[in-house]
């Protein structure tokens, strides 16, 4: 609904062609619908948090490897117990 109103306003202000503005919300939401349908048919989780954490840590490691060492560094209390 939000995308439809947004593109309708863009169409009325002649920023986008009316035909393109009418179809753009469908084009944007189609991949999301496919993904959710696939997940529902396979009874799988929508988001695997473990994979997300690994992906974020790899991204951080590419930006600044020292940050990853600080994040993964065990606390001294954990070593004593």
Protein backbone atom coordinates (compact mmCIF):
# COMPACT_ATOMS: atom_id res chain seq x y z
CA UNK A 1 0.00 0.00 0.00
CA UNK A 2 2.82 2.40 0.89
CA UNK A 3 4.70 1.66 -2.32
CA UNK A 4 1.54 2.13 -4.37
CA UNK A 5 0.88 5.55 -2.85
CA UNK A 6 4.52 6.58 -3.23
CA UNK A 7 4.67 5.70 -6.91
CA UNK A 8 1.24 7.20 -7.52
CA UNK A 9 2.52 10.52 -6.18
CA UNK A 10 5.65 10.22 -8.30
CA UNK A 11 3.47 9.56 -11.32
CA UNK A 12 1.22 12.55 -10.65
CA UNK A 13 4.23 14.84 -10.30
CA UNK A 14 5.48 13.56 -13.68
CA UNK A 15 8.66 12.20 -12.10
CA UNK A 16 7.86 8.69 -13.38
CA UNK A 17 5.86 7.43 -16.30
CA UNK A 18 2.38 6.36 -15.15
CA UNK A 19 2.65 2.84 -16.56
CA UNK A 20 6.05 2.29 -14.97
CA UNK A 21 4.85 3.74 -11.65
CA UNK A 22 1.86 1.40 -11.65
CA UNK A 23 3.98 -1.73 -12.17
CA UNK A 24 6.97 -0.84 -10.01
CA UNK A 25 5.44 -1.91 -6.65
CA UNK A 26 4.65 -5.33 -8.15
CA UNK A 27 8.16 -5.65 -9.54
CA UNK A 28 9.66 -4.74 -6.15
CA UNK A 29 7.44 -7.07 -4.11
CA UNK A 30 7.55 -10.07 -6.48
CA UNK A 31 10.97 -11.38 -5.28
CA UNK A 32 9.84 -11.03 -1.66
CA UNK A 33 6.69 -13.03 -2.43
CA UNK A 34 8.74 -15.75 -4.11
CA UNK A 35 11.12 -15.95 -1.15
CA UNK A 36 8.30 -16.16 1.40
CA UNK A 37 6.45 -18.77 -0.68
CA UNK A 38 9.60 -20.87 -0.95
CA UNK A 39 10.18 -20.67 2.80
CA UNK A 40 6.56 -21.58 3.57
CA UNK A 41 6.57 -24.57 1.21
CA UNK A 42 9.75 -25.95 2.79
CA UNK A 43 8.69 -25.18 6.39
CA UNK A 44 12.01 -23.47 7.01
CA UNK A 45 12.99 -20.49 9.11
CA UNK A 46 12.66 -17.06 7.58
CA UNK A 47 15.99 -15.95 8.98
CA UNK A 48 18.89 -18.06 10.16
CA UNK A 49 20.48 -15.92 12.87
CA UNK A 50 23.69 -17.97 12.98
CA UNK A 51 24.36 -17.39 9.29
CA UNK A 52 23.54 -13.70 9.71
CA UNK A 53 26.08 -13.35 12.55
CA UNK A 54 28.78 -15.07 10.48
CA UNK A 55 28.01 -12.80 7.52
CA UNK A 56 28.18 -9.65 9.68
CA UNK A 57 31.47 -10.76 11.26
CA UNK A 58 32.96 -11.41 7.81
CA UNK A 59 31.84 -7.97 6.68
CA UNK A 60 33.36 -6.35 9.77
CA UNK A 61 36.55 -8.34 9.25
CA UNK A 62 36.86 -6.97 5.71
CA UNK A 63 36.39 -3.39 6.93
CA UNK A 64 38.69 -3.59 9.96
CA UNK A 65 40.15 -6.94 11.14
CA UNK A 66 41.01 -5.50 14.57
CA UNK A 67 37.30 -5.09 15.37
CA UNK A 68 36.64 -8.79 14.85
CA UNK A 69 39.44 -9.70 17.26
CA UNK A 70 37.89 -7.43 19.89
CA UNK A 71 34.44 -8.93 19.36
CA UNK A 72 35.61 -12.55 19.46
CA UNK A 73 38.15 -12.05 22.28
CA UNK A 74 37.04 -14.12 25.30
CA UNK A 75 36.58 -12.34 28.60
CA UNK A 76 39.08 -13.14 31.34
CA UNK A 77 36.22 -14.30 33.61
CA UNK A 78 35.26 -16.94 31.06
CA UNK A 79 38.74 -18.45 31.09
CA UNK A 80 38.76 -18.96 34.87
CA UNK A 81 35.46 -20.87 34.99
